[in-house]
C-alpha cells in the first residue's frame, strides 16, 4: 500500500477520531540520536517521520494521510533533555531494525 503524506489536511475525507489523541513515549536511553541518524546505515533503521522530529527537537512534526475512507494525523516530537520521542504512532521507531530471534532494546518486542 502506498501512502501520500502531506503537511496540511486535504479535507476530502472526515478526520479519524481517537488516533490523534493517543500518546506513546519511546525512551532512547544513552543513545545519542542526532549522531545516530547521521550514519547512513543507522538512519535507515528509524522511520522518516521520527527522523524529522529528531532533526527538529522540541517541534511537533505533523503529517496527514488517507486510508479506509478517513484522513489520519500522525505527529512526533523529540525531547532532547530526556532523550525521548513522543508520538501517536504505536509502532516502534526502530521497527526496521528488528531481527528474527532478537529483542528490541527500545520497545522490548521479541521477534
C-alpha atoms as a PDB file:
ATOM      1  CA  UNK A   1       0.000   0.000   0.000  1.00  0.00           C
ATOM      2  CA  UNK A   2       1.329   3.417  -0.957  1.00  0.00           C
ATOM      3  CA  UNK A   3       0.605   6.391   1.290  1.00  0.00           C
ATOM      4  CA  UNK A   4       0.772  10.017   0.259  1.00  0.00           C
ATOM      5  CA  UNK A   5       1.809  12.140   3.229  1.00  0.00           C
ATOM      6  CA  UNK A   6       1.001  15.852   3.318  1.00  0.00           C
ATOM      7  CA  UNK A   7       1.762  18.661   5.777  1.00  0.00           C
ATOM      8  CA  UNK A   8      -1.803  20.003   5.637  1.00  0.00           C
ATOM      9  CA  UNK A   9      -5.082  18.076   5.688  1.00  0.00           C
ATOM     10  CA  UNK A  10      -6.731  17.710   2.300  1.00  0.00           C
ATOM     11  CA  UNK A  11     -10.198  17.916   3.838  1.00  0.00           C
ATOM     12  CA  UNK A  12     -11.770  15.480   1.363  1.00  0.00           C
ATOM     13  CA  UNK A  13     -12.447  12.811   3.983  1.00  0.00           C
ATOM     14  CA  UNK A  14     -13.526  13.023   7.637  1.00  0.00           C
ATOM     15  CA  UNK A  15     -10.709  13.121  10.195  1.00  0.00           C
ATOM     16  CA  UNK A  16     -10.309   9.837  12.082  1.00  0.00           C
ATOM     17  CA  UNK A  17     -11.291  10.087  15.747  1.00  0.00           C
ATOM     18  CA  UNK A  18      -9.194   8.758  18.631  1.00  0.00           C
ATOM     19  CA  UNK A  19      -6.000   8.242  16.645  1.00  0.00           C
ATOM     20  CA  UNK A  20      -4.702  11.772  17.179  1.00  0.00           C
ATOM     21  CA  UNK A  21      -5.295  11.856  20.941  1.00  0.00           C
ATOM     22  CA  UNK A  22      -3.160   8.847  21.929  1.00  0.00           C
ATOM     23  CA  UNK A  23       0.434   9.384  23.022  1.00  0.00           C
ATOM     24  CA  UNK A  24       3.287   6.900  23.194  1.00  0.00           C
ATOM     25  CA  UNK A  25       6.681   7.714  24.678  1.00  0.00           C
ATOM     26  CA  UNK A  26       9.800   5.946  23.434  1.00  0.00           C
ATOM     27  CA  UNK A  27      12.941   6.289  25.549  1.00  0.00           C
ATOM     28  CA  UNK A  28      16.264   6.029  23.718  1.00  0.00           C
ATOM     29  CA  UNK A  29      18.351   5.859  26.908  1.00  0.00           C
ATOM     30  CA  UNK A  30      22.018   6.786  26.410  1.00  0.00           C
ATOM     31  CA  UNK A  31      21.857   6.605  22.593  1.00  0.00           C
ATOM     32  CA  UNK A  32      22.935   9.909  21.006  1.00  0.00           C
ATOM     33  CA  UNK A  33      20.114  10.232  18.472  1.00  0.00           C
ATOM     34  CA  UNK A  34      21.354  13.241  16.447  1.00  0.00           C
ATOM     35  CA  UNK A  35      24.651  11.414  15.835  1.00  0.00           C
ATOM     36  CA  UNK A  36      22.865   8.081  15.312  1.00  0.00           C
ATOM     37  CA  UNK A  37      20.742   9.368  12.429  1.00  0.00           C
ATOM     38  CA  UNK A  38      23.754  10.967  10.698  1.00  0.00           C
ATOM     39  CA  UNK A  39      25.115   7.495   9.992  1.00  0.00           C
ATOM     40  CA  UNK A  40      23.557   6.424   6.650  1.00  0.00           C
ATOM     41  CA  UNK A  41      23.183   2.800   7.783  1.00  0.00           C
ATOM     42  CA  UNK A  42      21.550   3.609  11.116  1.00  0.00           C
ATOM     43  CA  UNK A  43      19.258   6.291   9.695  1.00  0.00           C
ATOM     44  CA  UNK A  44      17.570   3.586   7.608  1.00  0.00           C
ATOM     45  CA  UNK A  45      16.508   1.855  10.824  1.00  0.00           C
ATOM     46  CA  UNK A  46      14.425   4.778  12.093  1.00  0.00           C
ATOM     47  CA  UNK A  47      11.263   5.834  10.290  1.00  0.00           C
ATOM     48  CA  UNK A  48      11.396   9.060   8.284  1.00  0.00           C
ATOM     49  CA  UNK A  49       8.747  10.720  10.433  1.00  0.00           C
ATOM     50  CA  UNK A  50      10.709  10.120  13.649  1.00  0.00           C
ATOM     51  CA  UNK A  51      13.947  11.175  11.901  1.00  0.00           C
ATOM     52  CA  UNK A  52      12.412  14.555  11.002  1.00  0.00           C
ATOM     53  CA  UNK A  53      11.369  15.024  14.639  1.00  0.00           C
ATOM     54  CA  UNK A  54      14.927  14.272  15.842  1.00  0.00           C
ATOM     55  CA  UNK A  55      16.364  16.774  13.358  1.00  0.00           C
ATOM     56  CA  UNK A  56      13.972  19.443  14.722  1.00  0.00           C
ATOM     57  CA  UNK A  57      13.959  18.993  18.537  1.00  0.00           C
ATOM     58  CA  UNK A  58      11.049  20.336  20.618  1.00  0.00           C
ATOM     59  CA  UNK A  59       8.972  20.828  17.465  1.00  0.00           C
ATOM     60  CA  UNK A  60       5.871  18.764  16.768  1.00  0.00           C
ATOM     61  CA  UNK A  61       6.120  17.273  13.267  1.00  0.00           C
ATOM     62  CA  UNK A  62       2.653  16.587  11.854  1.00  0.00           C
ATOM     63  CA  UNK A  63       1.724  14.659   8.725  1.00  0.00           C
ATOM     64  CA  UNK A  64      -1.608  13.626   7.258  1.00  0.00           C
ATOM     65  CA  UNK A  65      -2.555  10.613   5.136  1.00  0.00           C
ATOM     66  CA  UNK A  66      -5.736   8.967   3.876  1.00  0.00           C
ATOM     67  CA  UNK A  67      -6.745   5.371   4.487  1.00  0.00           C
ATOM     68  CA  UNK A  68     -10.040   3.421   4.562  1.00  0.00           C
ATOM     69  CA  UNK A  69     -12.213   6.470   3.950  1.00  0.00           C
ATOM     70  CA  UNK A  70     -10.672   8.590   6.728  1.00  0.00           C
ATOM     71  CA  UNK A  71      -7.876  11.116   6.994  1.00  0.00           C
ATOM     72  CA  UNK A  72      -5.342  10.361   9.721  1.00  0.00           C
ATOM     73  CA  UNK A  73      -2.965  12.699  11.518  1.00  0.00           C
ATOM     74  CA  UNK A  74       0.424  11.423  12.718  1.00  0.00           C
ATOM     75  CA  UNK A  75       2.652  13.541  14.917  1.00  0.00           C
ATOM     76  CA  UNK A  76       6.028  13.134  16.607  1.00  0.00           C
ATOM     77  CA  UNK A  77       8.085  15.329  18.904  1.00  0.00           C
ATOM     78  CA  UNK A  78      11.667  14.761  20.100  1.00  0.00           C
ATOM     79  CA  UNK A  79      12.577  15.937  23.624  1.00  0.00           C
ATOM     80  CA  UNK A  80      16.394  16.155  23.830  1.00  0.00           C
ATOM     81  CA  UNK A  81      16.560  16.850  27.586  1.00  0.00           C
ATOM     82  CA  UNK A  82      15.373  13.308  28.422  1.00  0.00           C
ATOM     83  CA  UNK A  83      16.126  11.707  25.009  1.00  0.00           C
ATOM     84  CA  UNK A  84      12.553  10.610  24.317  1.00  0.00           C
ATOM     85  CA  UNK A  85      10.244  10.705  21.320  1.00  0.00           C
ATOM     86  CA  UNK A  86       6.558  11.416  21.965  1.00  0.00           C
ATOM     87  CA  UNK A  87       4.284  10.245  19.164  1.00  0.00           C
ATOM     88  CA  UNK A  88       0.811   8.914  18.462  1.00  0.00           C
ATOM     89  CA  UNK A  89       2.249   6.111  16.302  1.00  0.00           C
ATOM     90  CA  UNK A  90       2.072   2.725  18.025  1.00  0.00           C
ATOM     91  CA  UNK A  91       4.920   1.213  16.008  1.00  0.00           C
ATOM     92  CA  UNK A  92       8.401   1.116  17.478  1.00  0.00           C
ATOM     93  CA  UNK A  93      10.602   3.836  15.905  1.00  0.00           C
ATOM     94  CA  UNK A  94      13.221   1.132  15.267  1.00  0.00           C
ATOM     95  CA  UNK A  95      10.835  -1.289  13.578  1.00  0.00           C
ATOM     96  CA  UNK A  96      13.183  -1.548  10.572  1.00  0.00           C
ATOM     97  CA  UNK A  97      15.943  -2.931  12.822  1.00  0.00           C
ATOM     98  CA  UNK A  98      14.020  -5.827  14.368  1.00  0.00           C
ATOM     99  CA  UNK A  99      15.624  -9.149  13.552  1.00  0.00           C
ATOM    100  CA  UNK A 100      14.301 -12.665  13.931  1.00  0.00           C
ATOM    101  CA  UNK A 101      15.232 -14.111  17.308  1.00  0.00           C
ATOM    102  CA  UNK A 102      16.298 -10.788  18.839  1.00  0.00           C
ATOM    103  CA  UNK A 103      14.716  -8.466  21.372  1.00  0.00           C
ATOM    104  CA  UNK A 104      14.422  -4.752  20.581  1.00  0.00           C
ATOM    105  CA  UNK A 105      16.341  -2.643  23.091  1.00  0.00           C
ATOM    106  CA  UNK A 106      13.763   0.139  22.885  1.00  0.00           C
ATOM    107  CA  UNK A 107      10.305  -1.401  22.848  1.00  0.00           C
ATOM    108  CA  UNK A 108      11.108  -4.874  24.246  1.00  0.00           C
ATOM    109  CA  UNK A 109       9.432  -6.690  21.351  1.00  0.00           C
ATOM    110  CA  UNK A 110      10.857 -10.184  20.883  1.00  0.00           C
ATOM    111  CA  UNK A 111      10.787 -11.370  17.277  1.00  0.00           C
END
